[in-house]
C-alpha atoms as a PDB file:
ATOM      1  CA  MET A   1       0.032   0.002   0.015  1.00  0.00           C
ATOM      2  CA  ILE A   2       1.185   3.462  -0.862  1.00  0.00           C
ATOM      3  CA  ASN A   3       0.184   6.297   1.480  1.00  0.00           C
ATOM      4  CA  ALA A   4       0.218   9.951   0.657  1.00  0.00           C
ATOM      5  CA  ASP A   5       3.598  11.561   1.407  1.00  0.00           C
ATOM      6  CA  ALA A   6       3.972  14.901   3.283  1.00  0.00           C
ATOM      7  CA  VAL A   7       3.750  16.931   0.130  1.00  0.00           C
ATOM      8  CA  SER A   8       0.509  15.221  -0.942  1.00  0.00           C
ATOM      9  CA  LEU A   9      -1.057  15.569   2.528  1.00  0.00           C
ATOM     10  CA  GLU A  10      -0.207  19.242   2.497  1.00  0.00           C
ATOM     11  CA  ALA A  11      -1.809  19.638  -0.860  1.00  0.00           C
ATOM     12  CA  ILE A  12      -4.935  17.839   0.264  1.00  0.00           C
ATOM     13  CA  GLY A  13      -5.202  20.096   3.342  1.00  0.00           C
ATOM     14  CA  VAL A  14      -7.534  19.675   6.236  1.00  0.00           C
ATOM     15  CA  ASN A  15     -10.679  18.997   4.095  1.00  0.00           C
ATOM     16  CA  PRO A  16     -10.099  16.238   1.496  1.00  0.00           C
ATOM     17  CA  LEU A  17     -13.536  17.088  -0.086  1.00  0.00           C
ATOM     18  CA  ASP A  18     -12.582  20.720  -0.816  1.00  0.00           C
ATOM     19  CA  PRO A  19     -12.844  21.120  -4.586  1.00  0.00           C
ATOM     20  CA  GLY A  20     -10.023  23.666  -4.495  1.00  0.00           C
ATOM     21  CA  ALA A  21      -7.587  21.022  -3.319  1.00  0.00           C
ATOM     22  CA  ARG A  22      -8.416  18.622  -6.111  1.00  0.00           C
ATOM     23  CA  ALA A  23      -5.842  19.798  -8.692  1.00  0.00           C
ATOM     24  CA  PRO A  24      -2.995  20.471  -6.278  1.00  0.00           C
ATOM     25  CA  ALA A  25      -3.551  17.076  -4.688  1.00  0.00           C
ATOM     26  CA  ALA A  26      -3.631  15.251  -7.962  1.00  0.00           C
ATOM     27  CA  ARG A  27      -0.405  16.911  -9.057  1.00  0.00           C
ATOM     28  CA  ALA A  28       1.313  16.032  -5.748  1.00  0.00           C
ATOM     29  CA  ALA A  29       0.023  12.416  -6.038  1.00  0.00           C
ATOM     30  CA  ARG A  30       1.249  12.076  -9.542  1.00  0.00           C
ATOM     31  CA  ASP A  31       4.667  13.468  -8.602  1.00  0.00           C
ATOM     32  CA  GLN A  32       4.911  11.013  -5.744  1.00  0.00           C
ATOM     33  CA  GLY A  33       3.889   8.104  -8.094  1.00  0.00           C
ATOM     34  CA  CYS A  34       6.694   9.155 -10.529  1.00  0.00           C
ATOM     35  CA  ARG A  35       9.218   9.156  -7.706  1.00  0.00           C
ATOM     36  CA  LEU A  36       8.171   5.767  -6.548  1.00  0.00           C
ATOM     37  CA  ALA A  37       7.899   4.182  -9.965  1.00  0.00           C
ATOM     38  CA  ALA A  38      11.475   3.136 -10.038  1.00  0.00           C
ATOM     39  CA  GLU A  39      11.218   1.327  -6.675  1.00  0.00           C
ATOM     40  CA  LEU A  40       8.009  -0.429  -7.650  1.00  0.00           C
ATOM     41  CA  ASP A  41       9.186  -1.449 -11.170  1.00  0.00           C
ATOM     42  CA  ILE A  42      10.566  -4.711  -9.793  1.00  0.00           C
ATOM     43  CA  PHE A  43       6.987  -5.983  -9.286  1.00  0.00           C
ATOM     44  CA  TRP A  44       6.147  -5.609 -13.011  1.00  0.00           C
ATOM     45  CA  ASP A  45       9.249  -7.256 -14.453  1.00  0.00           C
END
């Protein structure tokens, strides 16, 4: 399981249902996924 990192949690803010947080949270999550992709690549080889 992958949990949101500190940057993603900050982007989400205190209210995860706030529509204003949607785009920043999505960008932060995508960035986190890109950083973790190399580590997780071993599971798809």
